PDB file of N, CA and C in Angstrom:
ATOM      1  N   UNK A   1     -31.781  -3.825  34.344  1.00  0.00           N
ATOM      2  CA  UNK A   1     -31.199  -2.618  33.799  1.00  0.00           C
ATOM      3  C   UNK A   1     -29.681  -2.759  33.778  1.00  0.00           C
ATOM      4  N   UNK A   2     -29.052  -2.163  32.815  1.00  0.00           N
ATOM      5  CA  UNK A   2     -27.607  -2.177  32.678  1.00  0.00           C
ATOM      6  C   UNK A   2     -26.979  -1.405  33.836  1.00  0.00           C
ATOM      7  N   UNK A   3     -26.110  -2.052  34.597  1.00  0.00           N
ATOM      8  CA  UNK A   3     -25.472  -1.432  35.754  1.00  0.00           C
ATOM      9  C   UNK A   3     -24.031  -1.028  35.480  1.00  0.00           C
ATOM     10  N   UNK A   4     -23.667  -0.898  34.226  1.00  0.00           N
ATOM     11  CA  UNK A   4     -22.292  -0.531  33.912  1.00  0.00           C
ATOM     12  C   UNK A   4     -22.150   0.984  33.822  1.00  0.00           C
ATOM     13  N   UNK A   5     -21.082   1.517  34.400  1.00  0.00           N
ATOM     14  CA  UNK A   5     -20.862   2.959  34.291  1.00  0.00           C
ATOM     15  C   UNK A   5     -20.526   3.342  32.854  1.00  0.00           C
ATOM     16  N   UNK A   6     -21.043   4.468  32.441  1.00  0.00           N
ATOM     17  CA  UNK A   6     -20.846   4.959  31.088  1.00  0.00           C
ATOM     18  C   UNK A   6     -20.830   6.478  31.140  1.00  0.00           C
ATOM     19  N   UNK A   7     -19.919   7.103  30.418  1.00  0.00           N
ATOM     20  CA  UNK A   7     -19.856   8.561  30.410  1.00  0.00           C
ATOM     21  C   UNK A   7     -21.171   9.141  29.925  1.00  0.00           C
ATOM     22  N   UNK A   8     -21.699  10.108  30.674  1.00  0.00           N
ATOM     23  CA  UNK A   8     -22.952  10.747  30.303  1.00  0.00           C
ATOM     24  C   UNK A   8     -24.187  10.063  30.850  1.00  0.00           C
ATOM     25  N   UNK A   9     -24.040   8.956  31.569  1.00  0.00           N
ATOM     26  CA  UNK A   9     -25.193   8.243  32.134  1.00  0.00           C
ATOM     27  C   UNK A   9     -25.721   8.998  33.352  1.00  0.00           C
ATOM     28  N   UNK A  10     -27.030   9.054  33.468  1.00  0.00           N
ATOM     29  CA  UNK A  10     -27.687   9.676  34.616  1.00  0.00           C
ATOM     30  C   UNK A  10     -27.699   8.674  35.761  1.00  0.00           C
ATOM     31  N   UNK A  11     -27.282   9.141  36.947  1.00  0.00           N
ATOM     32  CA  UNK A  11     -27.276   8.302  38.136  1.00  0.00           C
ATOM     33  C   UNK A  11     -27.953   9.043  39.287  1.00  0.00           C
ATOM     34  N   UNK A  12     -28.479   8.279  40.225  1.00  0.00           N
ATOM     35  CA  UNK A  12     -29.118   8.821  41.412  1.00  0.00           C
ATOM     36  C   UNK A  12     -28.265   8.432  42.606  1.00  0.00           C
ATOM     37  N   UNK A  13     -27.853   9.408  43.403  1.00  0.00           N
ATOM     38  CA  UNK A  13     -27.018   9.154  44.568  1.00  0.00           C
ATOM     39  C   UNK A  13     -27.878   8.638  45.714  1.00  0.00           C
ATOM     40  N   UNK A  14     -27.485   7.506  46.288  1.00  0.00           N
ATOM     41  CA  UNK A  14     -28.267   6.890  47.362  1.00  0.00           C
ATOM     42  C   UNK A  14     -27.610   7.015  48.724  1.00  0.00           C
ATOM     43  N   UNK A  15     -26.374   7.514  48.804  1.00  0.00           N
ATOM     44  CA  UNK A  15     -25.676   7.611  50.085  1.00  0.00           C
ATOM     45  C   UNK A  15     -24.785   8.839  50.107  1.00  0.00           C
ATOM     46  N   UNK A  16     -24.544   9.335  51.300  1.00  0.00           N
ATOM     47  CA  UNK A  16     -23.660  10.480  51.472  1.00  0.00           C
ATOM     48  C   UNK A  16     -24.420  11.794  51.536  1.00  0.00           C
ATOM     49  N   UNK A  17     -23.678  12.872  51.629  1.00  0.00           N
ATOM     50  CA  UNK A  17     -24.289  14.202  51.711  1.00  0.00           C
ATOM     51  C   UNK A  17     -25.044  14.586  50.451  1.00  0.00           C
ATOM     52  N   UNK A  18     -24.665  13.992  49.352  1.00  0.00           N
ATOM     53  CA  UNK A  18     -25.304  14.305  48.074  1.00  0.00           C
ATOM     54  C   UNK A  18     -26.464  13.362  47.750  1.00  0.00           C
ATOM     55  N   UNK A  19     -26.882  12.549  48.700  1.00  0.00           N
ATOM     56  CA  UNK A  19     -27.960  11.577  48.473  1.00  0.00           C
ATOM     57  C   UNK A  19     -29.256  12.292  48.111  1.00  0.00           C
ATOM     58  N   UNK A  20     -29.997  11.672  47.189  1.00  0.00           N
ATOM     59  CA  UNK A  20     -31.290  12.212  46.802  1.00  0.00           C
ATOM     60  C   UNK A  20     -31.246  13.129  45.597  1.00  0.00           C
ATOM     61  N   UNK A  21     -30.107  13.214  44.923  1.00  0.00           N
ATOM     62  CA  UNK A  21     -29.977  14.066  43.737  1.00  0.00           C
ATOM     63  C   UNK A  21     -29.490  13.236  42.557  1.00  0.00           C
ATOM     64  N   UNK A  22     -29.767  13.748  41.372  1.00  0.00           N
ATOM     65  CA  UNK A  22     -29.323  13.111  40.137  1.00  0.00           C
ATOM     66  C   UNK A  22     -28.038  13.779  39.651  1.00  0.00           C
ATOM     67  N   UNK A  23     -27.172  12.977  39.064  1.00  0.00           N
ATOM     68  CA  UNK A  23     -25.881  13.441  38.559  1.00  0.00           C
ATOM     69  C   UNK A  23     -25.589  12.759  37.228  1.00  0.00           C
ATOM     70  N   UNK A  24     -24.553  13.245  36.553  1.00  0.00           N
ATOM     71  CA  UNK A  24     -24.032  12.587  35.356  1.00  0.00           C
ATOM     72  C   UNK A  24     -22.660  12.032  35.674  1.00  0.00           C
ATOM     73  N   UNK A  25     -22.353  10.878  35.120  1.00  0.00           N
ATOM     74  CA  UNK A  25     -21.004  10.327  35.244  1.00  0.00           C
ATOM     75  C   UNK A  25     -20.114  11.094  34.265  1.00  0.00           C
ATOM     76  N   UNK A  26     -19.064  11.729  34.808  1.00  0.00           N
ATOM     77  CA  UNK A  26     -18.170  12.516  33.957  1.00  0.00           C
ATOM     78  C   UNK A  26     -16.787  11.881  33.817  1.00  0.00           C
ATOM     79  N   UNK A  27     -16.506  10.864  34.637  1.00  0.00           N
ATOM     80  CA  UNK A  27     -15.229  10.153  34.523  1.00  0.00           C
ATOM     81  C   UNK A  27     -15.359   8.797  35.183  1.00  0.00           C
ATOM     82  N   UNK A  28     -14.783   7.786  34.554  1.00  0.00           N
ATOM     83  CA  UNK A  28     -14.745   6.446  35.135  1.00  0.00           C
ATOM     84  C   UNK A  28     -13.328   6.234  35.640  1.00  0.00           C
ATOM     85  N   UNK A  29     -13.183   6.136  36.965  1.00  0.00           N
ATOM     86  CA  UNK A  29     -11.863   6.026  37.577  1.00  0.00           C
ATOM     87  C   UNK A  29     -11.357   4.587  37.510  1.00  0.00           C
ATOM     88  N   UNK A  30     -12.159   3.650  38.009  1.00  0.00           N
ATOM     89  CA  UNK A  30     -11.827   2.233  37.950  1.00  0.00           C
ATOM     90  C   UNK A  30     -13.117   1.429  38.127  1.00  0.00           C
ATOM     91  N   UNK A  31     -13.002   0.160  38.508  1.00  0.00           N
ATOM     92  CA  UNK A  31     -14.196  -0.672  38.622  1.00  0.00           C
ATOM     93  C   UNK A  31     -15.005  -0.388  39.886  1.00  0.00           C
ATOM     94  N   UNK A  32     -14.487   0.455  40.773  1.00  0.00           N
ATOM     95  CA  UNK A  32     -15.176   0.763  42.021  1.00  0.00           C
ATOM     96  C   UNK A  32     -15.661   2.211  42.067  1.00  0.00           C
ATOM     97  N   UNK A  33     -14.900   3.136  41.490  1.00  0.00           N
ATOM     98  CA  UNK A  33     -15.188   4.564  41.602  1.00  0.00           C
ATOM     99  C   UNK A  33     -15.486   5.221  40.257  1.00  0.00           C
ATOM    100  N   UNK A  34     -16.357   6.234  40.317  1.00  0.00           N
ATOM    101  CA  UNK A  34     -16.592   7.141  39.184  1.00  0.00           C
ATOM    102  C   UNK A  34     -16.603   8.557  39.737  1.00  0.00           C
ATOM    103  N   UNK A  35     -16.526   9.534  38.847  1.00  0.00           N
ATOM    104  CA  UNK A  35     -16.672  10.930  39.239  1.00  0.00           C
ATOM    105  C   UNK A  35     -17.978  11.439  38.653  1.00  0.00           C
ATOM    106  N   UNK A  36     -18.735  12.180  39.483  1.00  0.00           N
ATOM    107  CA  UNK A  36     -20.044  12.661  39.073  1.00  0.00           C
ATOM    108  C   UNK A  36     -20.130  14.175  39.235  1.00  0.00           C
ATOM    109  N   UNK A  37     -20.980  14.801  38.433  1.00  0.00           N
ATOM    110  CA  UNK A  37     -21.210  16.243  38.507  1.00  0.00           C
ATOM    111  C   UNK A  37     -22.656  16.523  38.129  1.00  0.00           C
ATOM    112  N   UNK A  38     -23.176  17.648  38.629  1.00  0.00           N
ATOM    113  CA  UNK A  38     -24.541  18.050  38.268  1.00  0.00           C
ATOM    114  C   UNK A  38     -24.586  19.457  37.681  1.00  0.00           C
ATOM    115  N   UNK A  39     -23.449  20.123  37.589  1.00  0.00           N
ATOM    116  CA  UNK A  39     -23.407  21.455  36.993  1.00  0.00           C
ATOM    117  C   UNK A  39     -23.900  22.547  37.911  1.00  0.00           C
ATOM    118  N   UNK A  40     -24.339  22.189  39.115  1.00  0.00           N
ATOM    119  CA  UNK A  40     -24.885  23.163  40.051  1.00  0.00           C
ATOM    120  C   UNK A  40     -24.101  23.102  41.356  1.00  0.00           C
ATOM    121  N   UNK A  41     -24.414  22.140  42.203  1.00  0.00           N
ATOM    122  CA  UNK A  41     -23.693  21.983  43.464  1.00  0.00           C
ATOM    123  C   UNK A  41     -22.336  21.322  43.250  1.00  0.00           C
ATOM    124  N   UNK A  42     -22.255  20.453  42.274  1.00  0.00           N
ATOM    125  CA  UNK A  42     -20.996  19.799  41.906  1.00  0.00           C
ATOM    126  C   UNK A  42     -20.655  20.195  40.483  1.00  0.00           C
ATOM    127  N   UNK A  43     -19.680  21.046  40.342  1.00  0.00           N
ATOM    128  CA  UNK A  43     -19.269  21.556  39.037  1.00  0.00           C
ATOM    129  C   UNK A  43     -18.377  20.547  38.311  1.00  0.00           C
ATOM    130  N   UNK A  44     -18.253  20.734  37.013  1.00  0.00           N
ATOM    131  CA  UNK A  44     -17.442  19.830  36.187  1.00  0.00           C
ATOM    132  C   UNK A  44     -15.952  19.945  36.527  1.00  0.00           C
ATOM    133  N   UNK A  45     -15.512  21.103  37.027  1.00  0.00           N
ATOM    134  CA  UNK A  45     -14.096  21.270  37.361  1.00  0.00           C
ATOM    135  C   UNK A  45     -13.723  20.655  38.709  1.00  0.00           C
ATOM    136  N   UNK A  46     -14.704  20.277  39.523  1.00  0.00           N
ATOM    137  CA  UNK A  46     -14.432  19.585  40.787  1.00  0.00           C
ATOM    138  C   UNK A  46     -15.500  18.512  41.032  1.00  0.00           C
ATOM    139  N   UNK A  47     -15.492  17.462  40.211  1.00  0.00           N
ATOM    140  CA  UNK A  47     -16.518  16.414  40.347  1.00  0.00           C
ATOM    141  C   UNK A  47     -16.321  15.605  41.625  1.00  0.00           C
ATOM    142  N   UNK A  48     -17.387  14.969  42.067  1.00  0.00           N
ATOM    143  CA  UNK A  48     -17.385  14.157  43.279  1.00  0.00           C
ATOM    144  C   UNK A  48     -16.928  12.739  42.954  1.00  0.00           C
ATOM    145  N   UNK A  49     -15.950  12.246  43.704  1.00  0.00           N
ATOM    146  CA  UNK A  49     -15.524  10.856  43.586  1.00  0.00           C
ATOM    147  C   UNK A  49     -16.521  10.018  44.373  1.00  0.00           C
ATOM    148  N   UNK A  50     -17.151   9.047  43.712  1.00  0.00           N
ATOM    149  CA  UNK A  50     -18.253   8.301  44.325  1.00  0.00           C
ATOM    150  C   UNK A  50     -18.107   6.821  44.023  1.00  0.00           C
ATOM    151  N   UNK A  51     -18.393   5.995  45.028  1.00  0.00           N
ATOM    152  CA  UNK A  51     -18.400   4.549  44.806  1.00  0.00           C
ATOM    153  C   UNK A  51     -19.618   4.182  43.974  1.00  0.00           C
ATOM    154  N   UNK A  52     -19.425   3.276  43.049  1.00  0.00           N
ATOM    155  CA  UNK A  52     -20.497   2.842  42.161  1.00  0.00           C
ATOM    156  C   UNK A  52     -21.637   2.204  42.956  1.00  0.00           C
ATOM    157  N   UNK A  53     -21.313   1.520  44.045  1.00  0.00           N
ATOM    158  CA  UNK A  53     -22.362   0.849  44.829  1.00  0.00           C
ATOM    159  C   UNK A  53     -23.297   1.841  45.516  1.00  0.00           C
ATOM    160  N   UNK A  54     -22.926   3.114  45.586  1.00  0.00           N
ATOM    161  CA  UNK A  54     -23.773   4.142  46.187  1.00  0.00           C
ATOM    162  C   UNK A  54     -24.574   4.913  45.149  1.00  0.00           C
ATOM    163  N   UNK A  55     -24.628   4.390  43.939  1.00  0.00           N
ATOM    164  CA  UNK A  55     -25.360   5.038  42.855  1.00  0.00           C
ATOM    165  C   UNK A  55     -26.419   4.091  42.306  1.00  0.00           C
ATOM    166  N   UNK A  56     -27.546   4.657  41.900  1.00  0.00           N
ATOM    167  CA  UNK A  56     -28.580   3.888  41.200  1.00  0.00           C
ATOM    168  C   UNK A  56     -28.603   4.394  39.763  1.00  0.00           C
ATOM    169  N   UNK A  57     -28.304   3.506  38.832  1.00  0.00           N
ATOM    170  CA  UNK A  57     -28.210   3.872  37.424  1.00  0.00           C
ATOM    171  C   UNK A  57     -29.591   4.080  36.819  1.00  0.00           C
ATOM    172  N   UNK A  58     -29.740   5.110  36.022  1.00  0.00           N
ATOM    173  CA  UNK A  58     -30.980   5.400  35.314  1.00  0.00           C
ATOM    174  C   UNK A  58     -30.835   4.930  33.866  1.00  0.00           C
ATOM    175  N   UNK A  59     -31.955   4.859  33.161  1.00  0.00           N
ATOM    176  CA  UNK A  59     -31.934   4.395  31.764  1.00  0.00           C
ATOM    177  C   UNK A  59     -31.262   5.390  30.830  1.00  0.00           C
ATOM    178  N   UNK A  60     -31.435   6.668  31.096  1.00  0.00           N
ATOM    179  CA  UNK A  60     -31.022   7.681  30.129  1.00  0.00           C
ATOM    180  C   UNK A  60     -29.516   7.933  30.141  1.00  0.00           C
ATOM    181  N   UNK A  61     -28.959   8.026  28.943  1.00  0.00           N
ATOM    182  CA  UNK A  61     -27.565   8.380  28.741  1.00  0.00           C
ATOM    183  C   UNK A  61     -27.541   9.556  27.775  1.00  0.00           C
ATOM    184  N   UNK A  62     -26.874  10.626  28.160  1.00  0.00           N
ATOM    185  CA  UNK A  62     -26.732  11.784  27.273  1.00  0.00           C
ATOM    186  C   UNK A  62     -25.481  11.563  26.431  1.00  0.00           C
ATOM    187  N   UNK A  63     -25.696  10.984  25.251  1.00  0.00           N
ATOM    188  CA  UNK A  63     -24.591  10.601  24.374  1.00  0.00           C
ATOM    189  C   UNK A  63     -23.753  11.794  23.929  1.00  0.00           C
ATOM    190  N   UNK A  64     -24.400  12.916  23.679  1.00  0.00           N
ATOM    191  CA  UNK A  64     -23.677  14.106  23.212  1.00  0.00           C
ATOM    192  C   UNK A  64     -22.651  14.545  24.261  1.00  0.00           C
ATOM    193  N   UNK A  65     -23.063  14.592  25.513  1.00  0.00           N
ATOM    194  CA  UNK A  65     -22.140  14.975  26.590  1.00  0.00           C
ATOM    195  C   UNK A  65     -21.092  13.884  26.799  1.00  0.00           C
ATOM    196  N   UNK A  66     -21.513  12.635  26.777  1.00  0.00           N
ATOM    197  CA  UNK A  66     -20.590  11.517  26.938  1.00  0.00           C
ATOM    198  C   UNK A  66     -19.521  11.484  25.859  1.00  0.00           C
ATOM    199  N   UNK A  67     -19.923  11.765  24.620  1.00  0.00           N
ATOM    200  CA  UNK A  67     -18.959  11.795  23.516  1.00  0.00           C
ATOM    201  C   UNK A  67     -17.946  12.919  23.693  1.00  0.00           C
ATOM    202  N   UNK A  68     -18.423  14.089  24.120  1.00  0.00           N
ATOM    203  CA  UNK A  68     -17.518  15.214  24.346  1.00  0.00           C
ATOM    204  C   UNK A  68     -16.518  14.893  25.457  1.00  0.00           C
ATOM    205  N   UNK A  69     -16.984  14.242  26.519  1.00  0.00           N
ATOM    206  CA  UNK A  69     -16.094  13.861  27.612  1.00  0.00           C
ATOM    207  C   UNK A  69     -15.056  12.847  27.136  1.00  0.00           C
ATOM    208  N   UNK A  70     -15.483  11.872  26.347  1.00  0.00           N
ATOM    209  CA  UNK A  70     -14.585  10.836  25.845  1.00  0.00           C
ATOM    210  C   UNK A  70     -13.515  11.412  24.917  1.00  0.00           C
ATOM    211  N   UNK A  71     -13.891  12.443  24.155  1.00  0.00           N
ATOM    212  CA  UNK A  71     -12.947  13.069  23.219  1.00  0.00           C
ATOM    213  C   UNK A  71     -12.070  14.123  23.881  1.00  0.00           C
ATOM    214  N   UNK A  72     -12.332  14.419  25.154  1.00  0.00           N
ATOM    215  CA  UNK A  72     -11.537  15.411  25.860  1.00  0.00           C
ATOM    216  C   UNK A  72     -11.931  16.842  25.557  1.00  0.00           C
ATOM    217  N   UNK A  73     -13.097  17.036  24.960  1.00  0.00           N
ATOM    218  CA  UNK A  73     -13.570  18.382  24.659  1.00  0.00           C
ATOM    219  C   UNK A  73     -14.164  19.021  25.908  1.00  0.00           C
ATOM    220  N   UNK A  74     -14.253  20.339  25.902  1.00  0.00           N
ATOM    221  CA  UNK A  74     -14.777  21.091  27.029  1.00  0.00           C
ATOM    222  C   UNK A  74     -16.282  20.887  27.166  1.00  0.00           C
ATOM    223  N   UNK A  75     -16.709  20.514  28.363  1.00  0.00           N
ATOM    224  CA  UNK A  75     -18.129  20.397  28.695  1.00  0.00           C
ATOM    225  C   UNK A  75     -18.427  21.469  29.730  1.00  0.00           C
ATOM    226  N   UNK A  76     -19.468  22.242  29.513  1.00  0.00           N
ATOM    227  CA  UNK A  76     -19.807  23.339  30.402  1.00  0.00           C
ATOM    228  C   UNK A  76     -20.816  22.883  31.447  1.00  0.00           C
ATOM    229  N   UNK A  77     -20.762  23.546  32.607  1.00  0.00           N
ATOM    230  CA  UNK A  77     -21.711  23.239  33.679  1.00  0.00           C
ATOM    231  C   UNK A  77     -23.147  23.455  33.229  1.00  0.00           C
ATOM    232  N   UNK A  78     -23.366  24.460  32.400  1.00  0.00           N
ATOM    233  CA  UNK A  78     -24.712  24.759  31.916  1.00  0.00           C
ATOM    234  C   UNK A  78     -25.281  23.591  31.101  1.00  0.00           C
ATOM    235  N   UNK A  79     -24.433  22.897  30.342  1.00  0.00           N
ATOM    236  CA  UNK A  79     -24.886  21.741  29.566  1.00  0.00           C
ATOM    237  C   UNK A  79     -25.377  20.625  30.493  1.00  0.00           C
ATOM    238  N   UNK A  80     -24.605  20.363  31.526  1.00  0.00           N
ATOM    239  CA  UNK A  80     -24.965  19.300  32.466  1.00  0.00           C
ATOM    240  C   UNK A  80     -26.217  19.689  33.238  1.00  0.00           C
ATOM    241  N   UNK A  81     -26.255  20.921  33.713  1.00  0.00           N
ATOM    242  CA  UNK A  81     -27.408  21.400  34.477  1.00  0.00           C
ATOM    243  C   UNK A  81     -28.677  21.348  33.634  1.00  0.00           C
ATOM    244  N   UNK A  82     -28.566  21.741  32.373  1.00  0.00           N
ATOM    245  CA  UNK A  82     -29.705  21.712  31.462  1.00  0.00           C
ATOM    246  C   UNK A  82     -30.167  20.279  31.204  1.00  0.00           C
ATOM    247  N   UNK A  83     -29.210  19.357  31.041  1.00  0.00           N
ATOM    248  CA  UNK A  83     -29.557  17.955  30.790  1.00  0.00           C
ATOM    249  C   UNK A  83     -30.280  17.343  31.987  1.00  0.00           C
ATOM    250  N   UNK A  84     -29.914  17.751  33.189  1.00  0.00           N
ATOM    251  CA  UNK A  84     -30.506  17.184  34.403  1.00  0.00           C
ATOM    252  C   UNK A  84     -31.712  17.973  34.910  1.00  0.00           C
ATOM    253  N   UNK A  85     -32.104  19.002  34.201  1.00  0.00           N
ATOM    254  CA  UNK A  85     -33.200  19.863  34.662  1.00  0.00           C
ATOM    255  C   UNK A  85     -34.479  19.070  34.945  1.00  0.00           C
ATOM    256  N   UNK A  86     -34.822  18.148  34.073  1.00  0.00           N
ATOM    257  CA  UNK A  86     -36.036  17.352  34.261  1.00  0.00           C
ATOM    258  C   UNK A  86     -35.939  16.421  35.458  1.00  0.00           C
ATOM    259  N   UNK A  87     -34.734  16.006  35.800  1.00  0.00           N
ATOM    260  CA  UNK A  87     -34.535  15.093  36.933  1.00  0.00           C
ATOM    261  C   UNK A  87     -34.536  15.852  38.260  1.00  0.00           C
ATOM    262  N   UNK A  88     -33.599  16.783  38.431  1.00  0.00           N
ATOM    263  CA  UNK A  88     -33.472  17.480  39.702  1.00  0.00           C
ATOM    264  C   UNK A  88     -34.565  18.516  39.915  1.00  0.00           C
ATOM    265  N   UNK A  89     -35.223  18.934  38.879  1.00  0.00           N
ATOM    266  CA  UNK A  89     -36.324  19.874  39.031  1.00  0.00           C
ATOM    267  C   UNK A  89     -37.561  19.222  39.603  1.00  0.00           C
ATOM    268  N   UNK A  90     -37.646  17.899  39.534  1.00  0.00           N
ATOM    269  CA  UNK A  90     -38.825  17.193  40.013  1.00  0.00           C
ATOM    270  C   UNK A  90     -38.718  16.766  41.469  1.00  0.00           C
ATOM    271  N   UNK A  91     -37.574  17.054  42.109  1.00  0.00           N
ATOM    272  CA  UNK A  91     -37.397  16.658  43.509  1.00  0.00           C
ATOM    273  C   UNK A  91     -38.080  17.660  44.411  1.00  0.00           C
TER     274      UNK A  91
END
């Protein structure tokens, strides 16, 4: 599976207080860190800074959200929460 960070990619947190939940990558900081949000516990206005090695990348990428983030457009928490509903709702 592709292990490269990409805006809008679904990731699973494997370490830390947020372990066991799915998130979206909302910002790529550098080759070690990304910022993640889920629209619920972690809002888009205060994303979690997370090491890439503590994330498990999923196949799905929400291109619509990723494109909006790349263009600097406003992304709402409801959009992220709705996109992750199938993931975090199954836990």
